[in-house]
Protein backbone atom coordinates (compact mmCIF):
# COMPACT_ATOMS: atom_id res chain seq x y z
CA MET A 1 233.23 96.52 199.08
CA ILE A 2 233.87 98.65 196.45
CA ARG A 3 237.73 98.30 196.14
CA PHE A 4 236.65 94.14 196.16
CA ASN A 5 234.32 95.08 193.14
CA LEU A 6 237.24 97.48 191.15
CA ALA A 7 239.63 94.72 191.96
CA LEU A 8 237.93 92.39 190.56
CA VAL A 9 236.64 93.93 187.50
CA SER A 10 240.40 95.22 186.86
CA LEU A 11 241.76 91.48 187.14
CA ILE A 12 238.71 90.13 184.98
CA THR A 13 239.76 92.71 182.15
CA LEU A 14 243.63 92.18 182.40
CA VAL A 15 242.77 88.10 182.06
CA SER A 16 240.60 88.69 179.33
CA SER A 17 242.04 91.10 177.10
CA SER A 18 244.09 89.05 175.15
CA GLN A 19 240.78 87.14 173.99
CA LEU A 20 239.56 90.31 172.62
CA PHE A 21 241.87 89.79 169.44
CA ALA A 22 241.21 86.22 169.02
CA HIS A 23 240.02 86.11 165.16
CA PRO A 24 240.63 88.37 162.72
CA GLY A 25 237.99 91.01 161.04
CA HIS A 26 238.09 93.85 163.65
CA GLY A 27 239.50 96.50 161.07
CA ASN A 28 242.83 96.53 162.35
CA GLU A 29 245.05 95.11 159.42
CA VAL A 30 243.37 97.49 156.97
CA ALA A 31 242.55 101.09 157.94
CA ASN A 32 239.59 101.41 155.44
CA ASN A 33 238.17 97.83 155.89
CA PRO A 34 234.73 97.68 154.52
CA HIS A 35 233.64 95.08 155.60
CA GLY A 36 234.24 96.24 159.48
CA LEU A 37 230.68 96.48 160.51
CA LEU A 38 229.50 93.64 158.32
CA HIS A 39 231.64 91.25 160.45
CA TYR A 40 230.27 92.66 163.96
CA LEU A 41 226.59 92.06 162.82
CA THR A 42 227.17 88.86 160.57
CA GLU A 43 229.64 87.03 163.29
CA PRO A 44 227.61 84.87 165.97
CA VAL A 45 230.05 85.61 168.16
CA HIS A 46 229.85 89.56 168.46
CA PHE A 47 225.98 89.09 167.26
CA MET A 48 224.74 87.03 169.90
CA PRO A 49 225.49 89.16 172.76
CA VAL A 50 224.11 92.63 171.41
CA ALA A 51 221.13 90.48 170.90
CA ALA A 52 220.94 89.00 173.98
CA ILE A 53 221.52 92.61 175.33
CA GLY A 54 218.43 93.87 173.10
CA VAL A 55 215.95 91.03 174.00
CA VAL A 56 216.81 91.71 177.95
CA VAL A 57 216.21 95.52 177.51
CA LEU A 58 212.98 94.91 175.41
CA LEU A 59 211.52 92.52 177.87
CA PHE A 60 212.57 94.78 180.62
CA VAL A 61 210.49 97.53 179.27
CA THR A 62 207.42 95.83 178.01
CA GLY A 63 207.64 94.36 181.56
CA ARG A 64 207.64 97.72 183.22
CA LYS A 65 204.84 98.95 180.73
CA PHE A 66 202.76 95.75 181.65
CA MET A 67 203.11 96.52 185.27
CA GLN A 68 202.21 100.14 185.30
CA ARG A 69 199.07 99.51 183.11
CA SER A 70 198.21 96.38 185.56
CA ARG A 71 198.47 99.07 188.82
CA ASN A 72 196.52 101.77 187.03
CA ARG A 73 193.97 99.21 186.47
CA GLN A 74 193.89 98.18 189.82
CA GLN A 75 193.52 101.69 191.26
CA ALA A 76 190.94 102.39 188.89
CA VAL A 77 188.77 99.54 189.96
CA ILE A 78 189.21 100.22 193.50
CA ILE A 79 188.59 103.99 193.23
CA SER A 80 185.27 103.08 191.61
CA ARG A 81 184.15 100.31 194.19
CA GLU A 82 185.04 103.44 196.88
CA ILE A 83 182.48 106.03 194.49
CA GLU A 84 180.19 103.18 194.48
CA LYS A 85 180.21 102.74 198.33
CA GLU A 86 179.51 106.46 198.95
CA LYS A 87 176.27 106.22 197.12
């Protein structure tokens, strides 16, 4: 299975590597390109995947915190009910 995944990733990389330089502005024309970083932040082709990854990470982190709070509240209710039963 690992060999298959490695072969698949290698094939995808080989096929898509020519598309990496599909448009100019990646800082390879001029050594000191002042618009290099600005290009990555303003072009939707580059910005949207980064923004999507950021949103997914944000949702994952907030979801985990929400679930942890929910579990803590449920445990607190269960413990308080057990204490009341003992009285």
